[in-house]
Amino acid sequence: MHRHNTPLRGVKATPHPKEGDAAYTEINYRYAGKTGHIHEVVSIGGRELAKVGFDDRKIVYYFLDDLELDERAKRGTFHDADAGP
């Protein structure tokens, strides 16, 4: 079974990428403002990137600083839904 090891796993996240940021592509902006859940956080080049999964099962990476996090919400990812009861 595939599991991620991160304290933010399952936290509700809404991306707000900065307009015109060369680090982002069209797909990042397409999912901007939509709510997903963090699957894992990785460090690359001294910056933290969050792997965010959305309801349509699309995974998009965002800088952690560009995410609005709701740690009070019920945690979960689509992997949890696949696991069943």
PDB file of N, CA and C in Angstrom:
ATOM      1  N   MET A   1       0.844  -1.176   0.000  1.00  0.00           N
ATOM      2  CA  MET A   1       0.000   0.000   0.000  1.00  0.00           C
ATOM      3  C   MET A   1       0.888   1.238   0.000  1.00  0.00           C
ATOM      4  N   HIS A   2       0.523   2.207  -0.803  1.00  0.00           N
ATOM      5  CA  HIS A   2       1.299   3.434  -0.940  1.00  0.00           C
ATOM      6  C   HIS A   2       0.824   4.455   0.084  1.00  0.00           C
ATOM      7  N   ARG A   3       1.702   4.879   0.962  1.00  0.00           N
ATOM      8  CA  ARG A   3       1.382   5.888   1.976  1.00  0.00           C
ATOM      9  C   ARG A   3       2.468   6.944   1.981  1.00  0.00           C
ATOM     10  N   HIS A   4       2.076   8.150   2.301  1.00  0.00           N
ATOM     11  CA  HIS A   4       3.024   9.250   2.381  1.00  0.00           C
ATOM     12  C   HIS A   4       3.290   9.575   3.836  1.00  0.00           C
ATOM     13  N   ASN A   5       4.490  10.008   4.125  1.00  0.00           N
ATOM     14  CA  ASN A   5       4.876  10.322   5.483  1.00  0.00           C
ATOM     15  C   ASN A   5       5.129  11.817   5.599  1.00  0.00           C
ATOM     16  N   THR A   6       4.113  12.565   5.961  1.00  0.00           N
ATOM     17  CA  THR A   6       4.251  14.003   6.157  1.00  0.00           C
ATOM     18  C   THR A   6       3.217  14.460   7.173  1.00  0.00           C
ATOM     19  N   PRO A   7       3.591  15.374   8.070  1.00  0.00           N
ATOM     20  CA  PRO A   7       2.631  15.869   9.052  1.00  0.00           C
ATOM     21  C   PRO A   7       1.460  16.632   8.428  1.00  0.00           C
ATOM     22  N   LEU A   8       1.624  17.142   7.213  1.00  0.00           N
ATOM     23  CA  LEU A   8       0.540  17.877   6.562  1.00  0.00           C
ATOM     24  C   LEU A   8      -0.328  16.987   5.670  1.00  0.00           C
ATOM     25  N   ARG A   9      -0.053  15.702   5.619  1.00  0.00           N
ATOM     26  CA  ARG A   9      -0.818  14.799   4.753  1.00  0.00           C
ATOM     27  C   ARG A   9      -2.306  14.894   5.072  1.00  0.00           C
ATOM     28  N   GLY A  10      -3.081  15.141   4.031  1.00  0.00           N
ATOM     29  CA  GLY A  10      -4.528  15.199   4.174  1.00  0.00           C
ATOM     30  C   GLY A  10      -5.082  16.567   4.512  1.00  0.00           C
ATOM     31  N   VAL A  11      -4.219  17.544   4.797  1.00  0.00           N
ATOM     32  CA  VAL A  11      -4.690  18.886   5.129  1.00  0.00           C
ATOM     33  C   VAL A  11      -5.321  19.523   3.894  1.00  0.00           C
ATOM     34  N   LYS A  12      -6.470  20.159   4.093  1.00  0.00           N
ATOM     35  CA  LYS A  12      -7.155  20.845   3.007  1.00  0.00           C
ATOM     36  C   LYS A  12      -6.305  22.036   2.580  1.00  0.00           C
ATOM     37  N   ALA A  13      -6.109  22.193   1.264  1.00  0.00           N
ATOM     38  CA  ALA A  13      -5.246  23.251   0.744  1.00  0.00           C
ATOM     39  C   ALA A  13      -5.858  23.884  -0.499  1.00  0.00           C
ATOM     40  N   THR A  14      -5.812  25.204  -0.539  1.00  0.00           N
ATOM     41  CA  THR A  14      -6.286  25.953  -1.695  1.00  0.00           C
ATOM     42  C   THR A  14      -5.114  26.765  -2.238  1.00  0.00           C
ATOM     43  N   PRO A  15      -4.680  26.478  -3.465  1.00  0.00           N
ATOM     44  CA  PRO A  15      -3.532  27.188  -4.029  1.00  0.00           C
ATOM     45  C   PRO A  15      -3.870  28.595  -4.516  1.00  0.00           C
ATOM     46  N   HIS A  16      -2.923  29.494  -4.277  1.00  0.00           N
ATOM     47  CA  HIS A  16      -3.011  30.875  -4.753  1.00  0.00           C
ATOM     48  C   HIS A  16      -1.647  31.257  -5.325  1.00  0.00           C
ATOM     49  N   PRO A  17      -1.300  30.678  -6.505  1.00  0.00           N
ATOM     50  CA  PRO A  17       0.008  31.000  -7.087  1.00  0.00           C
ATOM     51  C   PRO A  17       0.069  32.462  -7.521  1.00  0.00           C
ATOM     52  N   LYS A  18       1.244  33.046  -7.352  1.00  0.00           N
ATOM     53  CA  LYS A  18       1.441  34.438  -7.746  1.00  0.00           C
ATOM     54  C   LYS A  18       1.361  34.550  -9.272  1.00  0.00           C
ATOM     55  N   GLU A  19       0.620  35.530  -9.721  1.00  0.00           N
ATOM     56  CA  GLU A  19       0.444  35.756 -11.158  1.00  0.00           C
ATOM     57  C   GLU A  19       1.793  35.995 -11.826  1.00  0.00           C
ATOM     58  N   GLY A  20       2.030  35.303 -12.932  1.00  0.00           N
ATOM     59  CA  GLY A  20       3.236  35.492 -13.710  1.00  0.00           C
ATOM     60  C   GLY A  20       4.479  34.832 -13.149  1.00  0.00           C
ATOM     61  N   ASP A  21       4.334  33.975 -12.136  1.00  0.00           N
ATOM     62  CA  ASP A  21       5.488  33.277 -11.553  1.00  0.00           C
ATOM     63  C   ASP A  21       5.995  32.248 -12.559  1.00  0.00           C
ATOM     64  N   ALA A  22       7.226  32.409 -13.006  1.00  0.00           N
ATOM     65  CA  ALA A  22       7.806  31.529 -14.026  1.00  0.00           C
ATOM     66  C   ALA A  22       7.960  30.089 -13.546  1.00  0.00           C
ATOM     67  N   ALA A  23       7.875  29.855 -12.245  1.00  0.00           N
ATOM     68  CA  ALA A  23       7.989  28.501 -11.711  1.00  0.00           C
ATOM     69  C   ALA A  23       6.706  27.693 -11.924  1.00  0.00           C
ATOM     70  N   TYR A  24       5.630  28.373 -12.261  1.00  0.00           N
ATOM     71  CA  TYR A  24       4.346  27.702 -12.459  1.00  0.00           C
ATOM     72  C   TYR A  24       3.982  27.618 -13.937  1.00  0.00           C
ATOM     73  N   THR A  25       3.167  26.617 -14.257  1.00  0.00           N
ATOM     74  CA  THR A  25       2.695  26.421 -15.630  1.00  0.00           C
ATOM     75  C   THR A  25       1.195  26.663 -15.694  1.00  0.00           C
ATOM     76  N   GLU A  26       0.644  26.492 -16.859  1.00  0.00           N
ATOM     77  CA  GLU A  26      -0.799  26.681 -17.076  1.00  0.00           C
ATOM     78  C   GLU A  26      -1.615  25.785 -16.157  1.00  0.00           C
ATOM     79  N   ILE A  27      -1.173  24.565 -15.909  1.00  0.00           N
ATOM     80  CA  ILE A  27      -1.926  23.636 -15.054  1.00  0.00           C
ATOM     81  C   ILE A  27      -2.018  24.166 -13.622  1.00  0.00           C
ATOM     82  N   ASN A  28      -0.951  24.813 -13.138  1.00  0.00           N
ATOM     83  CA  ASN A  28      -0.995  25.391 -11.791  1.00  0.00           C
ATOM     84  C   ASN A  28      -2.073  26.465 -11.699  1.00  0.00           C
ATOM     85  N   TYR A  29      -2.153  27.293 -12.724  1.00  0.00           N
ATOM     86  CA  TYR A  29      -3.142  28.373 -12.714  1.00  0.00           C
ATOM     87  C   TYR A  29      -4.558  27.836 -12.940  1.00  0.00           C
ATOM     88  N   ARG A  30      -4.686  26.738 -13.663  1.00  0.00           N
ATOM     89  CA  ARG A  30      -6.007  26.142 -13.885  1.00  0.00           C
ATOM     90  C   ARG A  30      -6.614  25.659 -12.560  1.00  0.00           C
ATOM     91  N   TYR A  31      -5.772  25.160 -11.651  1.00  0.00           N
ATOM     92  CA  TYR A  31      -6.266  24.652 -10.369  1.00  0.00           C
ATOM     93  C   TYR A  31      -6.208  25.697  -9.249  1.00  0.00           C
ATOM     94  N   ALA A  32      -5.747  26.903  -9.559  1.00  0.00           N
ATOM     95  CA  ALA A  32      -5.699  27.979  -8.570  1.00  0.00           C
ATOM     96  C   ALA A  32      -7.103  28.263  -8.045  1.00  0.00           C
ATOM     97  N   GLY A  33      -7.211  28.406  -6.736  1.00  0.00           N
ATOM     98  CA  GLY A  33      -8.497  28.698  -6.104  1.00  0.00           C
ATOM     99  C   GLY A  33      -9.362  27.489  -5.847  1.00  0.00           C
ATOM    100  N   LYS A  34      -8.990  26.321  -6.382  1.00  0.00           N
ATOM    101  CA  LYS A  34      -9.737  25.085  -6.136  1.00  0.00           C
ATOM    102  C   LYS A  34      -9.162  24.406  -4.894  1.00  0.00           C
ATOM    103  N   THR A  35     -10.002  23.746  -4.141  1.00  0.00           N
ATOM    104  CA  THR A  35      -9.549  23.114  -2.911  1.00  0.00           C
ATOM    105  C   THR A  35      -9.199  21.657  -3.145  1.00  0.00           C
ATOM    106  N   GLY A  36      -8.026  21.276  -2.654  1.00  0.00           N
ATOM    107  CA  GLY A  36      -7.570  19.896  -2.701  1.00  0.00           C
ATOM    108  C   GLY A  36      -7.023  19.506  -1.339  1.00  0.00           C
ATOM    109  N   HIS A  37      -6.244  18.440  -1.309  1.00  0.00           N
ATOM    110  CA  HIS A  37      -5.631  17.972  -0.067  1.00  0.00           C
ATOM    111  C   HIS A  37      -4.164  17.647  -0.315  1.00  0.00           C
ATOM    112  N   ILE A  38      -3.334  17.971   0.652  1.00  0.00           N
ATOM    113  CA  ILE A  38      -1.905  17.692   0.535  1.00  0.00           C
ATOM    114  C   ILE A  38      -1.647  16.195   0.646  1.00  0.00           C
ATOM    115  N   HIS A  39      -0.840  15.670  -0.257  1.00  0.00           N
ATOM    116  CA  HIS A  39      -0.427  14.269  -0.232  1.00  0.00           C
ATOM    117  C   HIS A  39       0.943  14.130   0.420  1.00  0.00           C
ATOM    118  N   GLU A  40       1.837  15.036   0.102  1.00  0.00           N
ATOM    119  CA  GLU A  40       3.152  15.043   0.737  1.00  0.00           C
ATOM    120  C   GLU A  40       3.836  16.364   0.470  1.00  0.00           C
ATOM    121  N   VAL A  41       4.877  16.633   1.240  1.00  0.00           N
ATOM    122  CA  VAL A  41       5.670  17.847   1.072  1.00  0.00           C
ATOM    123  C   VAL A  41       7.109  17.414   0.824  1.00  0.00           C
ATOM    124  N   VAL A  42       7.727  18.016  -0.186  1.00  0.00           N
ATOM    125  CA  VAL A  42       9.119  17.707  -0.506  1.00  0.00           C
ATOM    126  C   VAL A  42       9.918  19.006  -0.548  1.00  0.00           C
ATOM    127  N   SER A  43      11.204  18.919  -0.256  1.00  0.00           N
ATOM    128  CA  SER A  43      12.091  20.081  -0.347  1.00  0.00           C
ATOM    129  C   SER A  43      12.949  19.946  -1.593  1.00  0.00           C
ATOM    130  N   ILE A  44      12.944  20.994  -2.415  1.00  0.00           N
ATOM    131  CA  ILE A  44      13.744  21.020  -3.635  1.00  0.00           C
ATOM    132  C   ILE A  44      14.390  22.398  -3.721  1.00  0.00           C
ATOM    133  N   GLY A  45      15.691  22.401  -3.808  1.00  0.00           N
ATOM    134  CA  GLY A  45      16.407  23.659  -3.924  1.00  0.00           C
ATOM    135  C   GLY A  45      16.159  24.603  -2.765  1.00  0.00           C
ATOM    136  N   GLY A  46      15.942  24.056  -1.579  1.00  0.00           N
ATOM    137  CA  GLY A  46      15.722  24.880  -0.405  1.00  0.00           C
ATOM    138  C   GLY A  46      14.308  25.394  -0.237  1.00  0.00           C
ATOM    139  N   ARG A  47      13.409  25.034  -1.154  1.00  0.00           N
ATOM    140  CA  ARG A  47      11.999  25.450  -1.043  1.00  0.00           C
ATOM    141  C   ARG A  47      11.128  24.223  -0.865  1.00  0.00           C
ATOM    142  N   GLU A  48      10.034  24.399  -0.136  1.00  0.00           N
ATOM    143  CA  GLU A  48       9.119  23.284   0.087  1.00  0.00           C
ATOM    144  C   GLU A  48       7.988  23.310  -0.931  1.00  0.00           C
ATOM    145  N   LEU A  49       7.822  22.161  -1.597  1.00  0.00           N
ATOM    146  CA  LEU A  49       6.735  21.974  -2.555  1.00  0.00           C
ATOM    147  C   LEU A  49       5.736  20.987  -1.973  1.00  0.00           C
ATOM    148  N   ALA A  50       4.465  21.302  -2.147  1.00  0.00           N
ATOM    149  CA  ALA A  50       3.413  20.402  -1.694  1.00  0.00           C
ATOM    150  C   ALA A  50       2.776  19.737  -2.905  1.00  0.00           C
ATOM    151  N   LYS A  51       2.600  18.445  -2.798  1.00  0.00           N
ATOM    152  CA  LYS A  51       1.910  17.659  -3.815  1.00  0.00           C
ATOM    153  C   LYS A  51       0.434  17.698  -3.417  1.00  0.00           C
ATOM    154  N   VAL A  52      -0.394  18.398  -4.211  1.00  0.00           N
ATOM    155  CA  VAL A  52      -1.800  18.602  -3.878  1.00  0.00           C
ATOM    156  C   VAL A  52      -2.673  17.779  -4.821  1.00  0.00           C
ATOM    157  N   GLY A  53      -3.563  16.980  -4.240  1.00  0.00           N
ATOM    158  CA  GLY A  53      -4.499  16.165  -5.012  1.00  0.00           C
ATOM    159  C   GLY A  53      -5.876  16.794  -4.997  1.00  0.00           C
ATOM    160  N   PHE A  54      -6.541  16.788  -6.157  1.00  0.00           N
ATOM    161  CA  PHE A  54      -7.864  17.380  -6.297  1.00  0.00           C
ATOM    162  C   PHE A  54      -8.906  16.293  -6.528  1.00  0.00           C
ATOM    163  N   ASP A  55     -10.182  16.655  -6.406  1.00  0.00           N
ATOM    164  CA  ASP A  55     -11.265  15.678  -6.511  1.00  0.00           C
ATOM    165  C   ASP A  55     -11.272  14.904  -7.823  1.00  0.00           C
ATOM    166  N   ASP A  56     -10.757  15.508  -8.901  1.00  0.00           N
ATOM    167  CA  ASP A  56     -10.717  14.804 -10.188  1.00  0.00           C
ATOM    168  C   ASP A  56      -9.487  13.896 -10.298  1.00  0.00           C
ATOM    169  N   ARG A  57      -8.782  13.719  -9.163  1.00  0.00           N
ATOM    170  CA  ARG A  57      -7.616  12.852  -9.021  1.00  0.00           C
ATOM    171  C   ARG A  57      -6.360  13.419  -9.684  1.00  0.00           C
ATOM    172  N   LYS A  58      -6.398  14.669 -10.074  1.00  0.00           N
ATOM    173  CA  LYS A  58      -5.231  15.348 -10.631  1.00  0.00           C
ATOM    174  C   LYS A  58      -4.316  15.757  -9.481  1.00  0.00           C
ATOM    175  N   ILE A  59      -3.020  15.556  -9.667  1.00  0.00           N
ATOM    176  CA  ILE A  59      -2.001  15.952  -8.697  1.00  0.00           C
ATOM    177  C   ILE A  59      -1.223  17.126  -9.291  1.00  0.00           C
ATOM    178  N   VAL A  60      -1.091  18.197  -8.521  1.00  0.00           N
ATOM    179  CA  VAL A  60      -0.374  19.392  -8.973  1.00  0.00           C
ATOM    180  C   VAL A  60       0.536  19.849  -7.831  1.00  0.00           C
ATOM    181  N   TYR A  61       1.763  20.227  -8.168  1.00  0.00           N
ATOM    182  CA  TYR A  61       2.714  20.715  -7.167  1.00  0.00           C
ATOM    183  C   TYR A  61       2.626  22.235  -7.041  1.00  0.00           C
ATOM    184  N   TYR A  62       2.656  22.710  -5.780  1.00  0.00           N
ATOM    185  CA  TYR A  62       2.674  24.141  -5.482  1.00  0.00           C
ATOM    186  C   TYR A  62       3.694  24.398  -4.385  1.00  0.00           C
ATOM    187  N   PHE A  63       4.274  25.605  -4.398  1.00  0.00           N
ATOM    188  CA  PHE A  63       5.106  25.996  -3.279  1.00  0.00           C
ATOM    189  C   PHE A  63       4.219  26.087  -2.041  1.00  0.00           C
ATOM    190  N   LEU A  64       4.702  25.555  -0.945  1.00  0.00           N
ATOM    191  CA  LEU A  64       3.928  25.548   0.295  1.00  0.00           C
ATOM    192  C   LEU A  64       3.492  26.962   0.681  1.00  0.00           C
ATOM    193  N   ASP A  65       4.340  27.938   0.407  1.00  0.00           N
ATOM    194  CA  ASP A  65       4.014  29.336   0.732  1.00  0.00           C
ATOM    195  C   ASP A  65       2.818  29.864  -0.053  1.00  0.00           C
ATOM    196  N   ASP A  66       2.473  29.233  -1.164  1.00  0.00           N
ATOM    197  CA  ASP A  66       1.375  29.699  -2.004  1.00  0.00           C
ATOM    198  C   ASP A  66       0.065  28.959  -1.733  1.00  0.00           C
ATOM    199  N   LEU A  67       0.021  28.206  -0.632  1.00  0.00           N
ATOM    200  CA  LEU A  67      -1.188  27.454  -0.280  1.00  0.00           C
ATOM    201  C   LEU A  67      -1.865  28.056   0.944  1.00  0.00           C
ATOM    202  N   GLU A  68      -3.183  28.133   0.871  1.00  0.00           N
ATOM    203  CA  GLU A  68      -3.992  28.490   2.032  1.00  0.00           C
ATOM    204  C   GLU A  68      -4.378  27.152   2.664  1.00  0.00           C
ATOM    205  N   LEU A  69      -3.942  26.921   3.898  1.00  0.00           N
ATOM    206  CA  LEU A  69      -4.163  25.638   4.555  1.00  0.00           C
ATOM    207  C   LEU A  69      -5.303  25.736   5.555  1.00  0.00           C
ATOM    208  N   ASP A  70      -6.116  24.683   5.612  1.00  0.00           N
ATOM    209  CA  ASP A  70      -7.200  24.584   6.601  1.00  0.00           C
ATOM    210  C   ASP A  70      -6.974  23.302   7.381  1.00  0.00           C
ATOM    211  N   GLU A  71      -6.185  23.406   8.448  1.00  0.00           N
ATOM    212  CA  GLU A  71      -5.840  22.232   9.240  1.00  0.00           C
ATOM    213  C   GLU A  71      -6.991  21.785  10.139  1.00  0.00           C
ATOM    214  N   ARG A  72      -8.051  22.590  10.252  1.00  0.00           N
ATOM    215  CA  ARG A  72      -9.206  22.217  11.078  1.00  0.00           C
ATOM    216  C   ARG A  72     -10.142  21.271  10.338  1.00  0.00           C
ATOM    217  N   ALA A  73     -10.064  21.263   9.013  1.00  0.00           N
ATOM    218  CA  ALA A  73     -10.969  20.431   8.213  1.00  0.00           C
ATOM    219  C   ALA A  73     -10.618  18.955   8.370  1.00  0.00           C
ATOM    220  N   LYS A  74     -11.596  18.093   8.066  1.00  0.00           N
ATOM    221  CA  LYS A  74     -11.360  16.649   8.089  1.00  0.00           C
ATOM    222  C   LYS A  74     -10.232  16.326   7.117  1.00  0.00           C
ATOM    223  N   ARG A  75      -9.251  15.573   7.593  1.00  0.00           N
ATOM    224  CA  ARG A  75      -8.110  15.220   6.752  1.00  0.00           C
ATOM    225  C   ARG A  75      -8.430  14.009   5.889  1.00  0.00           C
ATOM    226  N   GLY A  76      -7.846  13.994   4.704  1.00  0.00           N
ATOM    227  CA  GLY A  76      -8.006  12.842   3.843  1.00  0.00           C
ATOM    228  C   GLY A  76      -7.595  13.180   2.426  1.00  0.00           C
ATOM    229  N   THR A  77      -7.235  12.137   1.685  1.00  0.00           N
ATOM    230  CA  THR A  77      -6.905  12.273   0.275  1.00  0.00           C
ATOM    231  C   THR A  77      -7.703  11.224  -0.464  1.00  0.00           C
ATOM    232  N   PHE A  78      -7.653  11.242  -1.792  1.00  0.00           N
ATOM    233  CA  PHE A  78      -8.400  10.221  -2.517  1.00  0.00           C
ATOM    234  C   PHE A  78      -7.816   8.837  -2.281  1.00  0.00           C
ATOM    235  N   HIS A  79      -6.563   8.738  -1.819  1.00  0.00           N
ATOM    236  CA  HIS A  79      -6.006   7.433  -1.465  1.00  0.00           C
ATOM    237  C   HIS A  79      -6.773   6.814  -0.288  1.00  0.00           C
ATOM    238  N   ASP A  80      -7.191   7.655   0.656  1.00  0.00           N
ATOM    239  CA  ASP A  80      -7.947   7.179   1.808  1.00  0.00           C
ATOM    240  C   ASP A  80      -9.296   6.629   1.373  1.00  0.00           C
ATOM    241  N   ALA A  81      -9.932   7.287   0.432  1.00  0.00           N
ATOM    242  CA  ALA A  81     -11.235   6.832  -0.065  1.00  0.00           C
ATOM    243  C   ALA A  81     -11.083   5.484  -0.777  1.00  0.00           C
ATOM    244  N   ASP A  82      -9.948   5.264  -1.452  1.00  0.00           N
ATOM    245  CA  ASP A  82      -9.711   4.003  -2.141  1.00  0.00           C
ATOM    246  C   ASP A  82      -9.527   2.842  -1.170  1.00  0.00           C
ATOM    247  N   ALA A  83      -9.071   3.141   0.052  1.00  0.00           N
ATOM    248  CA  ALA A  83      -8.768   2.091   1.027  1.00  0.00           C
ATOM    249  C   ALA A  83     -10.021   1.405   1.545  1.00  0.00           C
ATOM    250  N   GLY A  84     -11.156   2.100   1.481  1.00  0.00           N
ATOM    251  CA  GLY A  84     -12.402   1.498   1.966  1.00  0.00           C
ATOM    252  C   GLY A  84     -12.445   1.477   3.481  1.00  0.00           C
ATOM    253  N   PRO A  85     -13.491   0.827   4.050  1.00  0.00           N
ATOM    254  CA  PRO A  85     -13.663   0.826   5.506  1.00  0.00           C
ATOM    255  C   PRO A  85     -12.595   0.049   6.244  1.00  0.00           C
TER     256      PRO A  85
END
